[in-house]
N, C-alpha and C. Protein backbone atom coordinates (compact mmCIF):
# COMPACT_ATOMS: atom_id res chain seq x y z
N UNK A 1 82.72 56.97 5.81
CA UNK A 1 83.31 56.04 6.78
C UNK A 1 83.37 56.68 8.16
N UNK A 2 83.01 55.91 9.16
CA UNK A 2 82.98 56.41 10.53
C UNK A 2 84.39 56.65 11.05
N UNK A 3 84.52 57.61 11.96
CA UNK A 3 85.81 57.89 12.57
C UNK A 3 86.34 56.66 13.31
N UNK A 4 85.43 55.90 13.94
CA UNK A 4 85.85 54.71 14.68
C UNK A 4 86.52 53.71 13.74
N UNK A 5 85.97 53.57 12.52
CA UNK A 5 86.55 52.66 11.55
C UNK A 5 87.92 53.16 11.14
N UNK A 6 88.04 54.47 10.99
CA UNK A 6 89.33 55.05 10.61
C UNK A 6 90.37 54.77 11.70
N UNK A 7 89.95 54.93 12.97
CA UNK A 7 90.89 54.75 14.08
C UNK A 7 91.22 53.29 14.31
N UNK A 8 90.17 52.44 14.38
CA UNK A 8 90.37 51.04 14.77
C UNK A 8 90.52 50.09 13.59
N UNK A 9 90.08 50.52 12.41
CA UNK A 9 90.07 49.62 11.25
C UNK A 9 91.45 49.29 10.74
N UNK A 10 92.33 50.27 10.66
CA UNK A 10 93.66 50.03 10.11
C UNK A 10 94.71 50.57 11.06
N UNK A 11 95.39 49.66 11.73
CA UNK A 11 96.37 50.07 12.72
C UNK A 11 97.65 50.59 12.06
N UNK A 12 97.85 50.26 10.78
CA UNK A 12 99.07 50.69 10.10
C UNK A 12 98.94 52.06 9.46
N UNK A 13 97.71 52.59 9.45
CA UNK A 13 97.46 53.90 8.82
C UNK A 13 97.71 55.02 9.81
N UNK A 14 98.81 55.72 9.63
CA UNK A 14 99.14 56.81 10.54
C UNK A 14 99.11 58.15 9.80
N UNK A 15 98.17 58.26 8.88
CA UNK A 15 98.12 59.46 8.04
C UNK A 15 97.26 60.55 8.64
N UNK A 16 96.96 60.45 9.91
CA UNK A 16 96.11 61.45 10.57
C UNK A 16 96.85 62.79 10.63
N UNK A 17 96.24 63.83 10.08
CA UNK A 17 96.88 65.14 10.05
C UNK A 17 96.59 65.89 11.34
N UNK A 18 97.60 66.52 11.87
CA UNK A 18 97.43 67.33 13.08
C UNK A 18 97.33 68.80 12.68
N UNK A 19 96.42 69.49 13.32
CA UNK A 19 96.24 70.91 13.06
C UNK A 19 97.36 71.68 13.76
N UNK A 20 98.12 72.42 13.01
CA UNK A 20 99.20 73.20 13.59
C UNK A 20 98.65 74.52 14.11
N UNK A 21 98.81 74.83 15.39
CA UNK A 21 98.25 76.04 15.97
C UNK A 21 98.67 77.31 15.23
N UNK A 22 99.94 77.34 14.73
CA UNK A 22 100.43 78.56 14.10
C UNK A 22 99.77 78.84 12.76
N UNK A 23 99.08 77.85 12.16
CA UNK A 23 98.45 78.06 10.86
C UNK A 23 97.08 78.72 10.98
N UNK A 24 96.60 78.87 12.19
CA UNK A 24 95.26 79.46 12.39
C UNK A 24 95.37 80.83 13.05
N UNK A 25 94.56 81.73 12.57
CA UNK A 25 94.52 83.06 13.16
C UNK A 25 93.84 82.98 14.52
N UNK A 26 94.29 83.83 15.45
CA UNK A 26 93.67 83.82 16.78
C UNK A 26 92.24 84.35 16.74
N UNK A 27 91.86 84.99 15.63
CA UNK A 27 90.51 85.54 15.50
C UNK A 27 89.52 84.54 14.91
N UNK A 28 90.04 83.43 14.41
CA UNK A 28 89.15 82.41 13.84
C UNK A 28 88.47 81.64 14.97
N UNK A 29 87.21 81.22 14.76
CA UNK A 29 86.53 80.43 15.81
C UNK A 29 87.25 79.11 16.04
N UNK A 30 87.18 78.67 17.27
CA UNK A 30 87.84 77.42 17.63
C UNK A 30 87.17 76.25 16.91
N UNK A 31 88.01 75.39 16.34
CA UNK A 31 87.46 74.24 15.62
C UNK A 31 86.98 73.20 16.63
N UNK A 32 85.77 72.66 16.38
CA UNK A 32 85.21 71.66 17.28
C UNK A 32 85.42 70.28 16.67
N UNK A 33 85.89 69.35 17.47
CA UNK A 33 86.10 67.99 17.00
C UNK A 33 84.76 67.35 16.66
N UNK A 34 84.75 66.36 15.74
CA UNK A 34 83.52 65.64 15.44
C UNK A 34 82.97 64.97 16.69
N UNK A 35 81.65 64.73 16.70
CA UNK A 35 80.96 64.17 17.87
C UNK A 35 81.59 62.86 18.32
N UNK A 36 81.87 61.95 17.39
CA UNK A 36 82.41 60.64 17.79
C UNK A 36 83.80 60.76 18.42
N UNK A 37 84.61 61.68 17.87
CA UNK A 37 85.95 61.86 18.43
C UNK A 37 85.90 62.51 19.81
N UNK A 38 85.03 63.52 19.96
CA UNK A 38 84.86 64.18 21.26
C UNK A 38 84.42 63.20 22.32
N UNK A 39 83.43 62.35 21.98
CA UNK A 39 82.93 61.37 22.94
C UNK A 39 84.05 60.43 23.37
N UNK A 40 84.78 59.91 22.40
CA UNK A 40 85.85 58.94 22.70
C UNK A 40 86.87 59.53 23.66
N UNK A 41 87.31 60.75 23.38
CA UNK A 41 88.32 61.40 24.22
C UNK A 41 87.78 61.63 25.64
N UNK A 42 86.59 62.22 25.74
CA UNK A 42 86.02 62.54 27.05
C UNK A 42 85.65 61.29 27.85
N UNK A 43 85.14 60.27 27.17
CA UNK A 43 84.77 59.02 27.83
C UNK A 43 86.00 58.37 28.45
N UNK A 44 87.09 58.32 27.68
CA UNK A 44 88.32 57.70 28.19
C UNK A 44 88.92 58.54 29.32
N UNK A 45 88.82 59.88 29.19
CA UNK A 45 89.31 60.75 30.27
C UNK A 45 88.54 60.54 31.57
N UNK A 46 87.27 60.15 31.44
CA UNK A 46 86.43 59.87 32.61
C UNK A 46 86.78 58.52 33.25
N UNK A 47 87.58 57.73 32.55
CA UNK A 47 87.97 56.43 33.08
C UNK A 47 87.20 55.26 32.52
N UNK A 48 86.39 55.49 31.48
CA UNK A 48 85.60 54.42 30.88
C UNK A 48 86.45 53.50 30.01
N UNK A 49 86.00 52.27 29.86
CA UNK A 49 86.69 51.28 29.02
C UNK A 49 85.88 51.13 27.74
N UNK A 50 86.49 51.44 26.62
CA UNK A 50 85.81 51.60 25.35
C UNK A 50 86.14 50.44 24.41
N UNK A 51 85.11 49.75 23.90
CA UNK A 51 85.32 48.64 22.97
C UNK A 51 84.47 48.86 21.73
N UNK A 52 85.12 49.22 20.63
CA UNK A 52 84.43 49.48 19.37
C UNK A 52 84.26 48.17 18.60
N UNK A 53 83.03 47.92 18.10
CA UNK A 53 82.72 46.67 17.40
C UNK A 53 82.04 46.97 16.07
N UNK A 54 82.49 46.32 15.01
CA UNK A 54 81.90 46.54 13.68
C UNK A 54 80.67 45.68 13.45
N UNK A 55 80.51 44.60 14.22
CA UNK A 55 79.34 43.73 14.05
C UNK A 55 79.04 43.03 15.38
N UNK A 56 77.90 42.31 15.39
CA UNK A 56 77.47 41.66 16.64
C UNK A 56 78.43 40.57 17.10
N UNK A 57 79.07 39.88 16.17
CA UNK A 57 80.04 38.85 16.56
C UNK A 57 81.17 39.46 17.39
N UNK A 58 81.62 40.65 16.98
CA UNK A 58 82.67 41.33 17.74
C UNK A 58 82.15 41.76 19.12
N UNK A 59 80.88 42.16 19.18
CA UNK A 59 80.26 42.52 20.46
C UNK A 59 80.29 41.32 21.41
N UNK A 60 79.86 40.16 20.91
CA UNK A 60 79.83 38.95 21.74
C UNK A 60 81.24 38.54 22.16
N UNK A 61 82.21 38.66 21.25
CA UNK A 61 83.60 38.31 21.59
C UNK A 61 84.14 39.23 22.68
N UNK A 62 83.84 40.53 22.56
CA UNK A 62 84.31 41.49 23.58
C UNK A 62 83.64 41.22 24.93
N UNK A 63 82.36 40.90 24.88
CA UNK A 63 81.63 40.59 26.12
C UNK A 63 82.25 39.36 26.79
N UNK A 64 82.57 38.37 26.00
CA UNK A 64 83.21 37.15 26.51
C UNK A 64 84.55 37.49 27.17
N UNK A 65 85.33 38.36 26.51
CA UNK A 65 86.64 38.75 27.04
C UNK A 65 86.52 39.51 28.37
N UNK A 66 85.49 40.37 28.46
CA UNK A 66 85.25 41.13 29.70
C UNK A 66 84.97 40.16 30.85
N UNK A 67 84.13 39.16 30.57
CA UNK A 67 83.76 38.18 31.60
C UNK A 67 84.99 37.39 32.06
N UNK A 68 85.83 36.97 31.10
CA UNK A 68 87.04 36.21 31.44
C UNK A 68 88.01 37.09 32.23
N UNK A 69 88.21 38.31 31.75
CA UNK A 69 89.16 39.24 32.39
C UNK A 69 88.80 39.50 33.86
N UNK A 70 87.51 39.60 34.14
CA UNK A 70 87.06 39.90 35.50
C UNK A 70 86.69 38.66 36.32
N UNK A 71 86.85 37.48 35.71
CA UNK A 71 86.51 36.21 36.37
C UNK A 71 85.03 36.18 36.78
N UNK A 72 84.16 36.58 35.84
CA UNK A 72 82.72 36.62 36.10
C UNK A 72 81.98 35.42 35.50
N UNK A 73 82.70 34.35 35.20
CA UNK A 73 82.06 33.19 34.57
C UNK A 73 80.89 32.66 35.39
N UNK A 74 81.02 32.66 36.72
CA UNK A 74 79.96 32.15 37.58
C UNK A 74 79.17 33.26 38.25
N UNK A 75 79.52 34.51 37.92
CA UNK A 75 78.85 35.65 38.54
C UNK A 75 77.48 35.88 37.91
N UNK A 76 76.60 36.49 38.67
CA UNK A 76 75.26 36.79 38.16
C UNK A 76 75.23 38.19 37.56
N UNK A 77 74.51 38.31 36.46
CA UNK A 77 74.39 39.58 35.74
C UNK A 77 72.99 40.14 35.91
N UNK A 78 72.90 41.38 36.36
CA UNK A 78 71.62 42.05 36.48
C UNK A 78 71.22 42.55 35.08
N UNK A 79 70.17 41.95 34.51
CA UNK A 79 69.68 42.34 33.19
C UNK A 79 68.18 42.58 33.30
N UNK A 80 67.78 43.85 33.24
CA UNK A 80 66.37 44.19 33.38
C UNK A 80 65.63 44.17 32.04
N UNK A 81 66.37 44.29 30.95
CA UNK A 81 65.80 44.37 29.61
C UNK A 81 65.73 42.96 29.00
N UNK A 82 64.51 42.46 28.77
CA UNK A 82 64.35 41.11 28.23
C UNK A 82 64.91 40.97 26.82
N UNK A 83 64.81 42.03 26.01
CA UNK A 83 65.37 41.99 24.65
C UNK A 83 66.88 41.83 24.69
N UNK A 84 67.50 42.50 25.65
CA UNK A 84 68.95 42.40 25.81
C UNK A 84 69.34 41.00 26.29
N UNK A 85 68.53 40.47 27.17
CA UNK A 85 68.76 39.11 27.68
C UNK A 85 68.73 38.10 26.53
N UNK A 86 67.74 38.25 25.64
CA UNK A 86 67.62 37.36 24.48
C UNK A 86 68.79 37.54 23.51
N UNK A 87 69.19 38.79 23.30
CA UNK A 87 70.26 39.08 22.35
C UNK A 87 71.59 38.46 22.79
N UNK A 88 71.84 38.42 24.10
CA UNK A 88 73.11 37.89 24.62
C UNK A 88 72.97 36.45 25.14
N UNK A 89 71.88 35.79 24.78
CA UNK A 89 71.62 34.44 25.31
C UNK A 89 72.67 33.42 24.89
N UNK A 90 73.31 33.62 23.74
CA UNK A 90 74.33 32.67 23.26
C UNK A 90 75.55 32.61 24.17
N UNK A 91 75.74 33.64 24.98
CA UNK A 91 76.90 33.68 25.88
C UNK A 91 76.66 32.94 27.19
N UNK A 92 75.42 32.49 27.38
CA UNK A 92 75.06 31.73 28.58
C UNK A 92 75.45 32.49 29.85
N UNK A 93 75.01 33.73 29.94
CA UNK A 93 75.23 34.52 31.15
C UNK A 93 74.34 33.99 32.26
N UNK A 94 74.54 34.47 33.46
CA UNK A 94 73.69 34.08 34.59
C UNK A 94 72.80 35.25 34.97
N UNK A 95 71.72 35.49 34.20
CA UNK A 95 70.89 36.67 34.47
C UNK A 95 70.12 36.57 35.77
N UNK A 96 69.98 37.71 36.42
CA UNK A 96 69.21 37.79 37.65
C UNK A 96 68.51 39.13 37.70
N UNK A 97 67.50 39.22 38.57
CA UNK A 97 66.86 40.51 38.82
C UNK A 97 67.11 40.93 40.28
N UNK A 98 68.01 40.19 40.91
CA UNK A 98 68.35 40.49 42.30
C UNK A 98 69.54 41.45 42.36
N UNK A 99 69.30 42.63 42.93
CA UNK A 99 70.36 43.63 43.03
C UNK A 99 71.48 43.17 43.95
N UNK A 100 71.13 42.48 45.00
CA UNK A 100 72.13 42.08 46.00
C UNK A 100 73.03 40.95 45.51
N UNK A 101 72.53 40.12 44.59
CA UNK A 101 73.31 38.97 44.13
C UNK A 101 74.13 39.28 42.88
N UNK A 102 73.81 40.35 42.17
CA UNK A 102 74.47 40.64 40.89
C UNK A 102 75.88 41.22 41.08
N UNK A 103 76.81 40.71 40.30
CA UNK A 103 78.19 41.21 40.29
C UNK A 103 78.32 42.38 39.32
N UNK A 104 77.55 42.33 38.24
CA UNK A 104 77.60 43.40 37.24
C UNK A 104 76.24 43.56 36.58
N UNK A 105 76.06 44.69 35.91
CA UNK A 105 74.81 44.96 35.20
C UNK A 105 75.10 45.10 33.71
N UNK A 106 74.24 44.48 32.90
CA UNK A 106 74.29 44.64 31.45
C UNK A 106 73.06 45.43 31.05
N UNK A 107 73.27 46.57 30.38
CA UNK A 107 72.16 47.45 30.04
C UNK A 107 72.40 48.18 28.73
N UNK A 108 71.35 48.81 28.24
CA UNK A 108 71.47 49.72 27.11
C UNK A 108 71.49 51.14 27.70
N UNK A 109 71.36 52.15 26.86
CA UNK A 109 71.30 53.52 27.34
C UNK A 109 70.45 54.34 26.39
N UNK A 110 70.19 55.58 26.76
CA UNK A 110 69.45 56.49 25.88
C UNK A 110 70.40 57.07 24.83
N UNK A 111 71.51 57.62 25.31
CA UNK A 111 72.46 58.27 24.42
C UNK A 111 73.87 58.28 24.99
N UNK A 112 74.83 58.59 24.12
CA UNK A 112 76.21 58.80 24.50
C UNK A 112 76.50 60.27 24.27
N UNK A 113 76.88 61.00 25.32
CA UNK A 113 77.00 62.46 25.25
C UNK A 113 78.46 62.85 25.02
N UNK A 114 78.71 63.48 23.87
CA UNK A 114 80.07 63.79 23.46
C UNK A 114 80.73 64.87 24.32
N UNK A 115 79.99 65.91 24.68
CA UNK A 115 80.58 67.07 25.37
C UNK A 115 81.25 66.72 26.70
N UNK A 116 80.71 65.73 27.41
CA UNK A 116 81.35 65.35 28.68
C UNK A 116 81.66 63.85 28.78
N UNK A 117 81.45 63.11 27.69
CA UNK A 117 81.79 61.68 27.70
C UNK A 117 80.94 60.86 28.62
N UNK A 118 79.69 61.29 28.85
CA UNK A 118 78.82 60.58 29.79
C UNK A 118 77.83 59.67 29.07
N UNK A 119 77.18 58.80 29.85
CA UNK A 119 76.14 57.90 29.35
C UNK A 119 74.81 58.39 29.88
N UNK A 120 73.88 58.72 28.99
CA UNK A 120 72.56 59.21 29.39
C UNK A 120 71.61 58.02 29.51
N UNK A 121 71.03 57.86 30.69
CA UNK A 121 70.10 56.75 30.94
C UNK A 121 68.82 57.28 31.58
N UNK A 122 67.80 56.44 31.61
CA UNK A 122 66.51 56.85 32.19
C UNK A 122 65.84 55.63 32.81
N UNK A 123 64.59 55.81 33.21
CA UNK A 123 63.83 54.70 33.80
C UNK A 123 63.62 53.57 32.79
N UNK A 124 63.82 53.85 31.50
CA UNK A 124 63.75 52.78 30.49
C UNK A 124 64.82 51.73 30.74
N UNK A 125 65.94 52.15 31.33
CA UNK A 125 67.04 51.21 31.61
C UNK A 125 67.15 50.84 33.09
N UNK A 126 66.92 51.81 33.98
CA UNK A 126 67.17 51.56 35.41
C UNK A 126 65.92 51.67 36.28
N UNK A 127 64.75 51.67 35.63
CA UNK A 127 63.47 51.77 36.35
C UNK A 127 63.49 53.01 37.26
N UNK A 128 62.99 52.87 38.47
CA UNK A 128 62.94 54.03 39.39
C UNK A 128 63.97 53.91 40.50
N UNK A 129 64.94 53.04 40.30
CA UNK A 129 65.96 52.78 41.34
C UNK A 129 67.11 53.78 41.20
N UNK A 130 67.62 54.24 42.32
CA UNK A 130 68.76 55.16 42.29
C UNK A 130 70.00 54.43 41.79
N UNK A 131 70.82 55.16 41.04
CA UNK A 131 72.01 54.60 40.42
C UNK A 131 72.95 53.96 41.43
N UNK A 132 73.06 54.55 42.61
CA UNK A 132 74.00 54.04 43.62
C UNK A 132 73.60 52.67 44.16
N UNK A 133 72.34 52.27 43.94
CA UNK A 133 71.87 50.97 44.41
C UNK A 133 72.21 49.83 43.45
N UNK A 134 72.69 50.18 42.27
CA UNK A 134 73.06 49.18 41.28
C UNK A 134 74.47 48.67 41.53
N UNK A 135 74.83 47.53 40.93
CA UNK A 135 76.20 47.02 41.08
C UNK A 135 77.22 48.06 40.60
N UNK A 136 78.42 48.00 41.13
CA UNK A 136 79.44 48.99 40.75
C UNK A 136 80.02 48.69 39.37
N UNK A 137 79.78 47.48 38.84
CA UNK A 137 80.27 47.12 37.52
C UNK A 137 79.15 47.21 36.49
N UNK A 138 79.36 48.03 35.45
CA UNK A 138 78.36 48.23 34.40
C UNK A 138 78.95 47.84 33.05
N UNK A 139 78.16 47.15 32.23
CA UNK A 139 78.50 46.94 30.82
C UNK A 139 77.35 47.54 30.03
N UNK A 140 77.65 48.56 29.23
CA UNK A 140 76.63 49.25 28.45
C UNK A 140 76.77 48.88 26.98
N UNK A 141 75.66 48.43 26.39
CA UNK A 141 75.63 48.11 24.97
C UNK A 141 74.94 49.26 24.24
N UNK A 142 75.65 49.90 23.31
CA UNK A 142 75.09 51.05 22.58
C UNK A 142 75.53 51.00 21.12
N UNK A 143 74.95 51.88 20.31
CA UNK A 143 75.30 51.95 18.89
C UNK A 143 75.79 53.36 18.56
N UNK A 144 76.53 53.47 17.46
CA UNK A 144 77.09 54.77 17.07
C UNK A 144 75.99 55.78 16.74
N UNK A 145 74.80 55.32 16.36
CA UNK A 145 73.70 56.25 16.07
C UNK A 145 73.16 56.92 17.33
N UNK A 146 73.58 56.46 18.50
CA UNK A 146 73.14 57.06 19.76
C UNK A 146 74.05 58.20 20.23
N UNK A 147 75.09 58.50 19.45
CA UNK A 147 76.00 59.59 19.80
C UNK A 147 75.31 60.94 19.59
N UNK A 148 75.41 61.81 20.59
CA UNK A 148 74.85 63.16 20.49
C UNK A 148 75.88 64.15 21.04
N UNK A 149 75.67 65.43 20.75
CA UNK A 149 76.62 66.46 21.20
C UNK A 149 76.49 66.77 22.68
N UNK A 150 75.25 67.01 23.13
CA UNK A 150 75.07 67.46 24.51
C UNK A 150 73.80 66.88 25.13
N UNK A 151 73.65 67.09 26.43
CA UNK A 151 72.51 66.53 27.17
C UNK A 151 71.19 67.11 26.68
N UNK A 152 71.19 68.40 26.33
CA UNK A 152 69.97 69.04 25.83
C UNK A 152 69.43 68.33 24.61
N UNK A 153 70.33 67.94 23.73
CA UNK A 153 69.95 67.20 22.52
C UNK A 153 69.36 65.84 22.90
N UNK A 154 69.94 65.22 23.91
CA UNK A 154 69.45 63.92 24.37
C UNK A 154 68.06 64.02 24.98
N UNK A 155 67.82 65.07 25.78
CA UNK A 155 66.51 65.26 26.41
C UNK A 155 65.42 65.50 25.36
N UNK A 156 65.77 66.26 24.33
CA UNK A 156 64.81 66.48 23.23
C UNK A 156 64.48 65.17 22.54
N UNK A 157 65.51 64.34 22.33
CA UNK A 157 65.32 63.04 21.68
C UNK A 157 64.45 62.12 22.51
N UNK A 158 64.66 62.11 23.83
CA UNK A 158 63.85 61.27 24.73
C UNK A 158 62.39 61.71 24.66
N UNK A 159 62.17 63.01 24.68
CA UNK A 159 60.81 63.55 24.63
C UNK A 159 60.12 63.20 23.32
N UNK A 160 60.86 63.30 22.23
CA UNK A 160 60.30 63.00 20.90
C UNK A 160 59.99 61.52 20.74
N UNK A 161 60.87 60.69 21.28
CA UNK A 161 60.72 59.23 21.14
C UNK A 161 59.64 58.66 22.05
N UNK A 162 59.36 59.34 23.15
CA UNK A 162 58.39 58.85 24.14
C UNK A 162 57.27 59.87 24.32
N UNK A 163 56.54 60.16 23.25
CA UNK A 163 55.51 61.20 23.28
C UNK A 163 54.39 60.89 24.27
N UNK A 164 54.00 59.63 24.37
CA UNK A 164 52.89 59.27 25.26
C UNK A 164 53.26 59.33 26.73
N UNK A 165 54.46 58.85 27.04
CA UNK A 165 54.89 58.85 28.44
C UNK A 165 56.39 59.07 28.51
N UNK A 166 56.78 60.24 28.96
CA UNK A 166 58.21 60.56 29.06
C UNK A 166 58.80 59.80 30.26
N UNK A 167 59.90 59.09 30.04
CA UNK A 167 60.49 58.34 31.16
C UNK A 167 61.00 59.26 32.26
N UNK A 168 61.00 58.75 33.47
CA UNK A 168 61.51 59.51 34.61
C UNK A 168 62.92 59.01 34.93
N UNK A 169 63.44 59.45 36.04
CA UNK A 169 64.75 58.99 36.53
C UNK A 169 65.84 59.18 35.46
N UNK A 170 65.78 60.30 34.74
CA UNK A 170 66.78 60.59 33.71
C UNK A 170 68.05 61.11 34.39
N UNK A 171 69.17 60.46 34.09
CA UNK A 171 70.43 60.85 34.72
C UNK A 171 71.59 60.46 33.80
N UNK A 172 72.78 60.85 34.18
CA UNK A 172 73.97 60.46 33.41
C UNK A 172 74.95 59.74 34.32
N UNK A 173 75.69 58.82 33.72
CA UNK A 173 76.83 58.21 34.40
C UNK A 173 78.05 58.83 33.76
N UNK A 174 78.86 59.51 34.54
CA UNK A 174 80.05 60.12 33.94
C UNK A 174 81.31 59.96 34.78
N UNK A 175 81.21 59.24 35.85
CA UNK A 175 82.38 58.99 36.68
C UNK A 175 82.65 57.49 36.66
N UNK A 176 83.69 57.09 35.91
CA UNK A 176 83.96 55.66 35.70
C UNK A 176 85.19 55.19 36.46
N UNK A 177 85.57 55.92 37.48
CA UNK A 177 86.70 55.49 38.30
C UNK A 177 86.42 55.89 39.74
N UNK A 178 87.15 55.32 40.65
CA UNK A 178 86.93 55.63 42.06
C UNK A 178 87.06 57.13 42.28
N UNK A 179 86.06 57.70 42.93
CA UNK A 179 86.06 59.15 43.13
C UNK A 179 87.06 59.55 44.21
N UNK A 180 87.65 60.70 43.99
CA UNK A 180 88.60 61.26 44.95
C UNK A 180 87.80 61.99 46.03
N UNK A 181 88.00 61.61 47.26
CA UNK A 181 87.23 62.23 48.35
C UNK A 181 87.49 63.74 48.44
N UNK A 182 88.66 64.17 47.98
CA UNK A 182 88.99 65.59 48.05
C UNK A 182 88.44 66.38 46.86
N UNK A 183 87.90 65.67 45.87
CA UNK A 183 87.37 66.34 44.68
C UNK A 183 85.89 66.63 44.89
N UNK A 184 85.57 67.90 45.18
CA UNK A 184 84.17 68.25 45.48
C UNK A 184 83.27 68.09 44.26
N UNK A 185 83.84 68.08 43.05
CA UNK A 185 83.03 67.94 41.84
C UNK A 185 82.43 66.53 41.73
N UNK A 186 83.07 65.55 42.36
CA UNK A 186 82.55 64.19 42.30
C UNK A 186 81.65 63.84 43.48
N UNK A 187 81.43 64.82 44.37
CA UNK A 187 80.60 64.57 45.55
C UNK A 187 79.18 64.19 45.14
N UNK A 188 78.67 63.11 45.70
CA UNK A 188 77.29 62.69 45.43
C UNK A 188 77.14 61.86 44.17
N UNK A 189 78.20 61.75 43.37
CA UNK A 189 78.09 60.95 42.15
C UNK A 189 78.38 59.50 42.48
N UNK A 190 77.84 58.63 41.67
CA UNK A 190 78.02 57.20 41.90
C UNK A 190 78.97 56.66 40.84
N UNK A 191 80.23 56.43 41.23
CA UNK A 191 81.22 55.97 40.25
C UNK A 191 80.96 54.51 39.90
N UNK A 192 81.18 54.19 38.61
CA UNK A 192 80.97 52.84 38.12
C UNK A 192 82.18 52.38 37.33
N UNK A 193 82.52 51.11 37.50
CA UNK A 193 83.52 50.48 36.65
C UNK A 193 82.78 50.14 35.36
N UNK A 194 82.96 50.95 34.31
CA UNK A 194 82.08 50.87 33.15
C UNK A 194 82.80 50.48 31.87
N UNK A 195 82.22 49.47 31.21
CA UNK A 195 82.66 49.05 29.88
C UNK A 195 81.59 49.48 28.88
N UNK A 196 82.01 50.01 27.74
CA UNK A 196 81.08 50.37 26.68
C UNK A 196 81.33 49.50 25.46
N UNK A 197 80.32 48.70 25.10
CA UNK A 197 80.36 47.91 23.87
C UNK A 197 79.64 48.75 22.80
N UNK A 198 80.40 49.36 21.92
CA UNK A 198 79.82 50.28 20.93
C UNK A 198 79.77 49.62 19.56
N UNK A 199 78.56 49.40 19.07
CA UNK A 199 78.35 48.74 17.79
C UNK A 199 78.17 49.77 16.68
N UNK A 200 78.92 49.63 15.61
CA UNK A 200 78.80 50.51 14.44
C UNK A 200 77.50 50.20 13.70
N UNK A 201 76.61 51.18 13.60
CA UNK A 201 75.35 50.95 12.86
C UNK A 201 75.07 52.08 11.86
N UNK A 202 76.07 52.88 11.54
CA UNK A 202 75.90 53.96 10.57
C UNK A 202 76.62 53.66 9.27
């Protein structure tokens, strides 16, 4: 059973055991959290909005709720992926390919990176356009099988999956809230108001 199912499946189950620091020797290696748990913690710390879904019906319901919450019923959605456009056609979105007219973007991603809670994307999702030129509102549709530990693992996966032509414009989105001008670590990054629709497929 997936960790997400354990966390979100039963709200009355509070049997989660906490590791007591005093029970571990200081010489023992530090225990690393599972990939799914690490991603969830880091993604939320980055300011991302996380929606776990057990099936496609839940994905569509969450997408509908996002649209209502943000009053995007009449807004245009930038959707570059035709398969994604077909998959969400029942919601009667207003798809466009115009960057200037779009209120939000609906996209997939390459991977979800646990170590820093970022979303790994490439030209497969954003073509050759710089991230800052996209709408500030992103909705990413991904599956639990796309969870990886680190960026290196993701780059190897991209190379293996695209043997004939490796995609360009590989980057990560990891700042999901307004950047602090005084924080030099966020300098040059393009912050996005990001929702993640995560479908359980394991």
